[in-house]
Amino acid sequence: MNTRKLTALVVALVALSLSAAPAFKPDGKTGSYRVTREEGPSQRLVRSASYSLRSEDGAYNGKPAWVFYRDDLAVEKARTAWRFVVSRETGSVVWVEKKVTGPDGAMWEESKVDFAHLKALAGRRLYHREMIPMLGPFLDLRPNARNNIALGFNSERRPMSVSLVVMGEEKVTTPAGSFQCVKISMEYSEDDLPSFARYIPSALLNTLLTGYYLWVEKAAPHAMVKMSGKLDGPSAPIVTEEMVRGH
């Protein structure tokens, strides 16, 4: 192999590794968020009233990984602690832990799930559904970029194919301050809809597949500033999650 071909191969391998897992350095800081549901002119808190996010360096099976923590506090004062381990090699989640405790600290639920065996469609990184607010560092935020990922709910259910599409830049103000953000539209794949969906008019189908948006800070590490949309369908109330204390 001549020098030119060897150089081209090295460049290709480096590009592939960069596309497999992004450069990301956790800062260990905690960001706090609140969740509201719009009903008429007022807003009321939904079940998960607030949550905090934090990340740090870690390992999985002896290999370097990122560890993300999410701590949810419900209106009823029940607390759900999540721990997500993301492989640095693939950029996908490989291990998920969940602990639910009551107001008195008693353990209500505890689970540890291996996600490493789950297979997403080719070219899609896999994340847990509750990791959506943490995805900023893993996204291509260039204009019109389309990030094709998969969202898993548990180790038995097939992951859903989702596309996160960059729509442009906006300045967003929350209780944590004002931020220059990249706006992203979340689009679900028609492949994940039931068979009767083929009879739904295309205009309505497009409404069902979109309508949920994320705003992540333009500056690294691209923390989520706001997330809003109709999670439960076009007629459902708008659910908004926004930062109340910065990272």
C-alpha atoms as a PDB file:
ATOM      1  CA  MET A   1       0.000   0.000   0.000  1.00  0.00           C
ATOM      2  CA  ASN A   2       1.492   3.363  -1.012  1.00  0.00           C
ATOM      3  CA  THR A   3       1.716   6.390   1.265  1.00  0.00           C
ATOM      4  CA  ARG A   4      -1.196   8.217  -0.376  1.00  0.00           C
ATOM      5  CA  LYS A   5      -3.579   5.269   0.047  1.00  0.00           C
ATOM      6  CA  LEU A   6      -2.425   4.723   3.629  1.00  0.00           C
ATOM      7  CA  THR A   7      -3.030   8.375   4.458  1.00  0.00           C
ATOM      8  CA  ALA A   8      -6.516   8.233   2.926  1.00  0.00           C
ATOM      9  CA  LEU A   9      -7.302   5.098   4.963  1.00  0.00           C
ATOM     10  CA  VAL A  10      -6.167   6.730   8.206  1.00  0.00           C
ATOM     11  CA  VAL A  11      -8.265   9.820   7.477  1.00  0.00           C
ATOM     12  CA  ALA A  12     -11.301   7.658   6.730  1.00  0.00           C
ATOM     13  CA  LEU A  13     -10.880   5.684   9.947  1.00  0.00           C
ATOM     14  CA  VAL A  14     -10.537   8.868  11.994  1.00  0.00           C
ATOM     15  CA  ALA A  15     -13.692  10.307  10.371  1.00  0.00           C
ATOM     16  CA  LEU A  16     -15.552   7.081  11.122  1.00  0.00           C
ATOM     17  CA  SER A  17     -14.515   7.126  14.768  1.00  0.00           C
ATOM     18  CA  LEU A  18     -15.618  10.731  15.109  1.00  0.00           C
ATOM     19  CA  SER A  19     -19.025   9.930  13.628  1.00  0.00           C
ATOM     20  CA  ALA A  20     -19.400   6.920  15.922  1.00  0.00           C
ATOM     21  CA  ALA A  21     -18.960   8.870  19.148  1.00  0.00           C
ATOM     22  CA  PRO A  22     -18.616  12.632  19.607  1.00  0.00           C
ATOM     23  CA  ALA A  23     -15.983  14.478  21.583  1.00  0.00           C
ATOM     24  CA  PHE A  24     -17.560  15.306  24.924  1.00  0.00           C
ATOM     25  CA  LYS A  25     -16.038  16.271  28.270  1.00  0.00           C
ATOM     26  CA  PRO A  26     -18.475  16.122  31.222  1.00  0.00           C
ATOM     27  CA  ASP A  27     -18.110  19.027  33.620  1.00  0.00           C
ATOM     28  CA  GLY A  28     -19.891  17.378  36.571  1.00  0.00           C
ATOM     29  CA  LYS A  29     -22.173  20.391  37.009  1.00  0.00           C
ATOM     30  CA  THR A  30     -25.903  20.038  37.671  1.00  0.00           C
ATOM     31  CA  GLY A  31     -28.662  21.717  35.698  1.00  0.00           C
ATOM     32  CA  SER A  32     -32.209  21.938  37.079  1.00  0.00           C
ATOM     33  CA  TYR A  33     -35.448  21.829  35.073  1.00  0.00           C
ATOM     34  CA  ARG A  34     -39.184  22.117  35.700  1.00  0.00           C
ATOM     35  CA  VAL A  35     -42.051  20.454  33.857  1.00  0.00           C
ATOM     36  CA  THR A  36     -45.422  22.111  33.241  1.00  0.00           C
ATOM     37  CA  ARG A  37     -48.545  21.200  31.316  1.00  0.00           C
ATOM     38  CA  GLU A  38     -50.554  23.973  29.687  1.00  0.00           C
ATOM     39  CA  GLU A  39     -54.293  23.887  30.367  1.00  0.00           C
ATOM     40  CA  GLY A  40     -56.158  27.006  29.311  1.00  0.00           C
ATOM     41  CA  PRO A  41     -54.567  30.314  30.351  1.00  0.00           C
ATOM     42  CA  SER A  42     -52.673  28.741  33.255  1.00  0.00           C
ATOM     43  CA  GLN A  43     -50.064  26.031  33.651  1.00  0.00           C
ATOM     44  CA  ARG A  44     -50.020  23.270  36.211  1.00  0.00           C
ATOM     45  CA  LEU A  45     -47.302  20.861  37.200  1.00  0.00           C
ATOM     46  CA  VAL A  46     -47.491  17.350  35.799  1.00  0.00           C
ATOM     47  CA  ARG A  47     -46.408  14.185  37.580  1.00  0.00           C
ATOM     48  CA  SER A  48     -42.693  14.788  37.101  1.00  0.00           C
ATOM     49  CA  ALA A  49     -42.571  18.313  38.492  1.00  0.00           C
ATOM     50  CA  SER A  50     -38.828  18.855  38.260  1.00  0.00           C
ATOM     51  CA  TYR A  51     -35.589  17.098  37.469  1.00  0.00           C
ATOM     52  CA  SER A  52     -31.844  17.667  37.450  1.00  0.00           C
ATOM     53  CA  LEU A  53     -29.153  16.457  35.032  1.00  0.00           C
ATOM     54  CA  ARG A  54     -25.470  15.735  35.607  1.00  0.00           C
ATOM     55  CA  SER A  55     -22.735  13.846  33.760  1.00  0.00           C
ATOM     56  CA  GLU A  56     -19.279  12.496  34.534  1.00  0.00           C
ATOM     57  CA  ASP A  57     -16.592  10.173  33.184  1.00  0.00           C
ATOM     58  CA  GLY A  58     -17.005   6.470  33.872  1.00  0.00           C
ATOM     59  CA  ALA A  59     -16.469   2.961  32.502  1.00  0.00           C
ATOM     60  CA  TYR A  60     -18.439  -0.020  31.176  1.00  0.00           C
ATOM     61  CA  ASN A  61     -16.887  -3.504  31.102  1.00  0.00           C
ATOM     62  CA  GLY A  62     -13.478  -1.928  31.574  1.00  0.00           C
ATOM     63  CA  LYS A  63     -13.876   0.499  28.658  1.00  0.00           C
ATOM     64  CA  PRO A  64     -14.239   4.302  28.904  1.00  0.00           C
ATOM     65  CA  ALA A  65     -17.810   5.580  29.059  1.00  0.00           C
ATOM     66  CA  TRP A  66     -19.880   8.620  29.978  1.00  0.00           C
ATOM     67  CA  VAL A  67     -22.298   8.395  32.887  1.00  0.00           C
ATOM     68  CA  PHE A  68     -25.421  10.578  32.913  1.00  0.00           C
ATOM     69  CA  TYR A  69     -27.615  11.083  35.980  1.00  0.00           C
ATOM     70  CA  ARG A  70     -31.219  12.244  36.009  1.00  0.00           C
ATOM     71  CA  ASP A  71     -33.049  12.866  39.279  1.00  0.00           C
ATOM     72  CA  ASP A  72     -36.831  13.326  38.971  1.00  0.00           C
ATOM     73  CA  LEU A  73     -38.940  14.738  41.807  1.00  0.00           C
ATOM     74  CA  ALA A  74     -42.690  14.208  41.426  1.00  0.00           C
ATOM     75  CA  VAL A  75     -45.474  16.364  42.842  1.00  0.00           C
ATOM     76  CA  GLU A  76     -46.185  13.567  45.314  1.00  0.00           C
ATOM     77  CA  LYS A  77     -42.533  13.881  46.511  1.00  0.00           C
ATOM     78  CA  ALA A  78     -41.637  10.488  45.073  1.00  0.00           C
ATOM     79  CA  ARG A  79     -38.123  10.518  43.605  1.00  0.00           C
ATOM     80  CA  THR A  80     -36.832   8.636  40.549  1.00  0.00           C
ATOM     81  CA  ALA A  81     -33.069   8.387  40.125  1.00  0.00           C
ATOM     82  CA  TRP A  82     -31.766   7.368  36.692  1.00  0.00           C
ATOM     83  CA  ARG A  83     -28.218   6.359  35.768  1.00  0.00           C
ATOM     84  CA  PHE A  84     -27.369   6.001  32.069  1.00  0.00           C
ATOM     85  CA  VAL A  85     -24.018   4.655  30.861  1.00  0.00           C
ATOM     86  CA  VAL A  86     -23.049   5.653  27.302  1.00  0.00           C
ATOM     87  CA  SER A  87     -20.236   3.891  25.450  1.00  0.00           C
ATOM     88  CA  ARG A  88     -17.535   6.221  24.155  1.00  0.00           C
ATOM     89  CA  GLU A  89     -16.841   3.709  21.400  1.00  0.00           C
ATOM     90  CA  THR A  90     -20.334   3.671  19.897  1.00  0.00           C
ATOM     91  CA  GLY A  91     -21.977   6.762  21.407  1.00  0.00           C
ATOM     92  CA  SER A  92     -24.994   4.618  22.413  1.00  0.00           C
ATOM     93  CA  VAL A  93     -26.455   3.820  25.831  1.00  0.00           C
ATOM     94  CA  VAL A  94     -25.386   0.389  27.104  1.00  0.00           C
ATOM     95  CA  TRP A  95     -26.634   0.285  30.719  1.00  0.00           C
ATOM     96  CA  VAL A  96     -29.632   1.842  32.521  1.00  0.00           C
ATOM     97  CA  GLU A  97     -30.377   1.896  36.248  1.00  0.00           C
ATOM     98  CA  LYS A  98     -33.572   3.169  37.861  1.00  0.00           C
ATOM     99  CA  LYS A  99     -34.463   3.650  41.535  1.00  0.00           C
ATOM    100  CA  VAL A 100     -37.822   4.958  42.758  1.00  0.00           C
ATOM    101  CA  THR A 101     -38.161   5.987  46.400  1.00  0.00           C
ATOM    102  CA  GLY A 102     -41.154   7.285  48.342  1.00  0.00           C
ATOM    103  CA  PRO A 103     -41.428  10.461  50.444  1.00  0.00           C
ATOM    104  CA  ASP A 104     -40.094   8.541  53.448  1.00  0.00           C
ATOM    105  CA  GLY A 105     -37.093   7.242  51.507  1.00  0.00           C
ATOM    106  CA  ALA A 106     -38.456   3.697  51.225  1.00  0.00           C
ATOM    107  CA  MET A 107     -37.480   1.854  48.028  1.00  0.00           C
ATOM    108  CA  TRP A 108     -40.507   1.428  45.740  1.00  0.00           C
ATOM    109  CA  GLU A 109     -38.796   0.128  42.628  1.00  0.00           C
ATOM    110  CA  GLU A 110     -35.286  -0.760  41.493  1.00  0.00           C
ATOM    111  CA  SER A 111     -34.104  -2.033  38.121  1.00  0.00           C
ATOM    112  CA  LYS A 112     -30.840  -2.531  36.227  1.00  0.00           C
ATOM    113  CA  VAL A 113     -31.127  -3.131  32.487  1.00  0.00           C
ATOM    114  CA  ASP A 114     -28.463  -4.075  29.948  1.00  0.00           C
ATOM    115  CA  PHE A 115     -29.116  -2.101  26.755  1.00  0.00           C
ATOM    116  CA  ALA A 116     -25.941  -3.233  24.980  1.00  0.00           C
ATOM    117  CA  HIS A 117     -27.747  -6.081  23.196  1.00  0.00           C
ATOM    118  CA  LEU A 118     -30.496  -3.896  21.715  1.00  0.00           C
ATOM    119  CA  LYS A 119     -30.128  -3.311  17.991  1.00  0.00           C
ATOM    120  CA  ALA A 120     -31.233  -0.100  16.324  1.00  0.00           C
ATOM    121  CA  LEU A 121     -31.477   0.489  12.591  1.00  0.00           C
ATOM    122  CA  ALA A 122     -28.117   0.836  10.855  1.00  0.00           C
ATOM    123  CA  GLY A 123     -26.457   4.182  11.425  1.00  0.00           C
ATOM    124  CA  ARG A 124     -28.592   5.145  14.439  1.00  0.00           C
ATOM    125  CA  ARG A 125     -27.220   5.608  17.941  1.00  0.00           C
ATOM    126  CA  LEU A 126     -29.435   4.213  20.681  1.00  0.00           C
ATOM    127  CA  TYR A 127     -30.626   6.189  23.712  1.00  0.00           C
ATOM    128  CA  HIS A 128     -33.216   5.707  26.446  1.00  0.00           C
ATOM    129  CA  ARG A 129     -36.424   7.731  26.172  1.00  0.00           C
ATOM    130  CA  GLU A 130     -35.634   9.618  29.388  1.00  0.00           C
ATOM    131  CA  MET A 131     -32.297  10.733  27.924  1.00  0.00           C
ATOM    132  CA  ILE A 132     -33.803  13.175  25.405  1.00  0.00           C
ATOM    133  CA  PRO A 133     -32.823  16.246  27.497  1.00  0.00           C
ATOM    134  CA  MET A 134     -29.218  14.976  27.535  1.00  0.00           C
ATOM    135  CA  LEU A 135     -28.688  14.537  23.790  1.00  0.00           C
ATOM    136  CA  GLY A 136     -27.266  17.976  22.924  1.00  0.00           C
ATOM    137  CA  PRO A 137     -23.579  16.943  23.057  1.00  0.00           C
ATOM    138  CA  PHE A 138     -24.258  14.004  20.708  1.00  0.00           C
ATOM    139  CA  LEU A 139     -26.010  15.930  17.926  1.00  0.00           C
ATOM    140  CA  ASP A 140     -24.815  17.486  14.690  1.00  0.00           C
ATOM    141  CA  LEU A 141     -26.014  21.074  15.161  1.00  0.00           C
ATOM    142  CA  ARG A 142     -25.059  22.388  11.743  1.00  0.00           C
ATOM    143  CA  PRO A 143     -27.862  24.086   9.711  1.00  0.00           C
ATOM    144  CA  ASN A 144     -30.440  21.605   8.360  1.00  0.00           C
ATOM    145  CA  ALA A 145     -28.577  18.633   9.888  1.00  0.00           C
ATOM    146  CA  ARG A 146     -30.701  15.506  10.338  1.00  0.00           C
ATOM    147  CA  ASN A 147     -29.738  13.329  13.310  1.00  0.00           C
ATOM    148  CA  ASN A 148     -31.178   9.830  12.956  1.00  0.00           C
ATOM    149  CA  ILE A 149     -31.278   8.066  16.333  1.00  0.00           C
ATOM    150  CA  ALA A 150     -33.253   5.350  18.104  1.00  0.00           C
ATOM    151  CA  LEU A 151     -35.070   5.641  21.434  1.00  0.00           C
ATOM    152  CA  GLY A 152     -35.474   2.613  23.694  1.00  0.00           C
ATOM    153  CA  PHE A 153     -37.996   2.252  26.504  1.00  0.00           C
ATOM    154  CA  ASN A 154     -36.920  -1.082  27.980  1.00  0.00           C
ATOM    155  CA  SER A 155     -34.852  -4.124  27.051  1.00  0.00           C
ATOM    156  CA  GLU A 156     -37.767  -5.998  25.459  1.00  0.00           C
ATOM    157  CA  ARG A 157     -39.472  -3.382  23.275  1.00  0.00           C
ATOM    158  CA  ARG A 158     -38.005  -2.603  19.861  1.00  0.00           C
ATOM    159  CA  PRO A 159     -36.402   0.870  19.813  1.00  0.00           C
ATOM    160  CA  MET A 160     -38.259   3.608  17.943  1.00  0.00           C
ATOM    161  CA  SER A 161     -36.581   5.421  15.056  1.00  0.00           C
ATOM    162  CA  VAL A 162     -36.500   9.192  15.555  1.00  0.00           C
ATOM    163  CA  SER A 163     -34.959  12.056  13.574  1.00  0.00           C
ATOM    164  CA  LEU A 164     -33.819  15.269  15.249  1.00  0.00           C
ATOM    165  CA  VAL A 165     -33.739  17.961  12.561  1.00  0.00           C
ATOM    166  CA  VAL A 166     -31.973  21.320  13.007  1.00  0.00           C
ATOM    167  CA  MET A 167     -34.350  24.154  12.130  1.00  0.00           C
ATOM    168  CA  GLY A 168     -32.223  27.214  12.915  1.00  0.00           C
ATOM    169  CA  GLU A 169     -31.133  29.439  15.782  1.00  0.00           C
ATOM    170  CA  GLU A 170     -33.296  31.265  18.335  1.00  0.00           C
ATOM    171  CA  LYS A 171     -32.716  33.214  21.529  1.00  0.00           C
ATOM    172  CA  VAL A 172     -34.592  31.522  24.369  1.00  0.00           C
ATOM    173  CA  THR A 173     -35.309  32.972  27.811  1.00  0.00           C
ATOM    174  CA  THR A 174     -36.080  30.786  30.827  1.00  0.00           C
ATOM    175  CA  PRO A 175     -35.831  31.355  34.600  1.00  0.00           C
ATOM    176  CA  ALA A 176     -32.144  30.397  34.229  1.00  0.00           C
ATOM    177  CA  GLY A 177     -31.462  33.309  31.860  1.00  0.00           C
ATOM    178  CA  SER A 178     -31.273  34.007  28.114  1.00  0.00           C
ATOM    179  CA  PHE A 179     -29.437  31.648  25.780  1.00  0.00           C
ATOM    180  CA  GLN A 180     -28.562  31.550  22.094  1.00  0.00           C
ATOM    181  CA  CYS A 181     -29.964  28.184  21.074  1.00  0.00           C
ATOM    182  CA  VAL A 182     -30.274  25.771  18.192  1.00  0.00           C
ATOM    183  CA  LYS A 183     -33.900  24.751  17.605  1.00  0.00           C
ATOM    184  CA  ILE A 184     -34.490  21.096  16.776  1.00  0.00           C
ATOM    185  CA  SER A 185     -37.629  19.346  15.571  1.00  0.00           C
ATOM    186  CA  MET A 186     -38.279  15.780  16.698  1.00  0.00           C
ATOM    187  CA  GLU A 187     -39.799  13.568  13.991  1.00  0.00           C
ATOM    188  CA  TYR A 188     -40.933   9.981  14.441  1.00  0.00           C
ATOM    189  CA  SER A 189     -40.571   7.406  11.690  1.00  0.00           C
ATOM    190  CA  GLU A 190     -43.604   6.126   9.781  1.00  0.00           C
ATOM    191  CA  ASP A 191     -42.095   2.645  10.160  1.00  0.00           C
ATOM    192  CA  ASP A 192     -42.995   2.684  13.866  1.00  0.00           C
ATOM    193  CA  LEU A 193     -46.689   3.411  13.296  1.00  0.00           C
ATOM    194  CA  PRO A 194     -49.340   0.657  13.307  1.00  0.00           C
ATOM    195  CA  SER A 195     -50.473  -0.792   9.969  1.00  0.00           C
ATOM    196  CA  PHE A 196     -53.704   1.274   9.869  1.00  0.00           C
ATOM    197  CA  ALA A 197     -51.591   4.435   9.635  1.00  0.00           C
ATOM    198  CA  ARG A 198     -51.335   3.957   5.863  1.00  0.00           C
ATOM    199  CA  TYR A 199     -54.986   5.058   5.639  1.00  0.00           C
ATOM    200  CA  ILE A 200     -54.393   8.332   7.519  1.00  0.00           C
ATOM    201  CA  PRO A 201     -54.277  11.446   5.271  1.00  0.00           C
ATOM    202  CA  SER A 202     -50.692  12.619   4.773  1.00  0.00           C
ATOM    203  CA  ALA A 203     -51.360  16.076   6.279  1.00  0.00           C
ATOM    204  CA  LEU A 204     -52.666  14.511   9.510  1.00  0.00           C
ATOM    205  CA  LEU A 205     -49.885  11.942   9.515  1.00  0.00           C
ATOM    206  CA  ASN A 206     -47.257  14.689   9.351  1.00  0.00           C
ATOM    207  CA  THR A 207     -48.917  16.333  12.363  1.00  0.00           C
ATOM    208  CA  LEU A 208     -48.795  13.075  14.302  1.00  0.00           C
ATOM    209  CA  LEU A 209     -45.126  12.528  13.497  1.00  0.00           C
ATOM    210  CA  THR A 210     -43.910  16.017  14.428  1.00  0.00           C
ATOM    211  CA  GLY A 211     -44.816  18.849  16.795  1.00  0.00           C
ATOM    212  CA  TYR A 212     -42.178  18.385  19.492  1.00  0.00           C
ATOM    213  CA  TYR A 213     -39.171  20.694  19.735  1.00  0.00           C
ATOM    214  CA  LEU A 214     -35.901  21.011  21.629  1.00  0.00           C
ATOM    215  CA  TRP A 215     -33.722  24.059  22.141  1.00  0.00           C
ATOM    216  CA  VAL A 216     -30.104  23.306  23.037  1.00  0.00           C
ATOM    217  CA  GLU A 217     -27.493  25.926  23.846  1.00  0.00           C
ATOM    218  CA  LYS A 218     -25.337  26.754  20.827  1.00  0.00           C
ATOM    219  CA  ALA A 219     -22.210  26.917  22.975  1.00  0.00           C
ATOM    220  CA  ALA A 220     -20.590  23.670  24.137  1.00  0.00           C
ATOM    221  CA  PRO A 221     -21.459  21.409  25.882  1.00  0.00           C
ATOM    222  CA  HIS A 222     -24.858  22.167  24.234  1.00  0.00           C
ATOM    223  CA  ALA A 223     -27.039  21.749  27.317  1.00  0.00           C
ATOM    224  CA  MET A 224     -30.780  21.543  26.746  1.00  0.00           C
ATOM    225  CA  VAL A 225     -32.467  24.849  27.569  1.00  0.00           C
ATOM    226  CA  LYS A 226     -36.063  24.007  26.683  1.00  0.00           C
ATOM    227  CA  MET A 227     -38.225  21.206  25.303  1.00  0.00           C
ATOM    228  CA  SER A 228     -41.873  21.660  24.372  1.00  0.00           C
ATOM    229  CA  GLY A 229     -44.643  20.005  22.412  1.00  0.00           C
ATOM    230  CA  LYS A 230     -47.652  17.695  22.447  1.00  0.00           C
ATOM    231  CA  LEU A 231     -46.273  14.375  23.587  1.00  0.00           C
ATOM    232  CA  ASP A 232     -49.649  12.646  23.649  1.00  0.00           C
ATOM    233  CA  GLY A 233     -50.972  13.715  20.242  1.00  0.00           C
ATOM    234  CA  PRO A 234     -52.319  16.820  18.449  1.00  0.00           C
ATOM    235  CA  SER A 235     -55.255  17.306  20.869  1.00  0.00           C
ATOM    236  CA  ALA A 236     -53.177  16.891  24.030  1.00  0.00           C
ATOM    237  CA  PRO A 237     -51.996  19.773  26.231  1.00  0.00           C
ATOM    238  CA  ILE A 238     -48.544  21.194  25.551  1.00  0.00           C
ATOM    239  CA  VAL A 239     -45.878  19.872  27.918  1.00  0.00           C
ATOM    240  CA  THR A 240     -42.907  22.185  28.469  1.00  0.00           C
ATOM    241  CA  GLU A 241     -39.605  21.392  30.159  1.00  0.00           C
ATOM    242  CA  GLU A 242     -37.266  24.338  30.734  1.00  0.00           C
ATOM    243  CA  MET A 243     -34.050  25.085  32.571  1.00  0.00           C
ATOM    244  CA  VAL A 244     -34.471  26.936  35.863  1.00  0.00           C
ATOM    245  CA  ARG A 245     -30.840  26.738  36.975  1.00  0.00           C
ATOM    246  CA  GLY A 246     -27.914  26.495  34.594  1.00  0.00           C
ATOM    247  CA  HIS A 247     -25.141  23.920  34.446  1.00  0.00           C
END
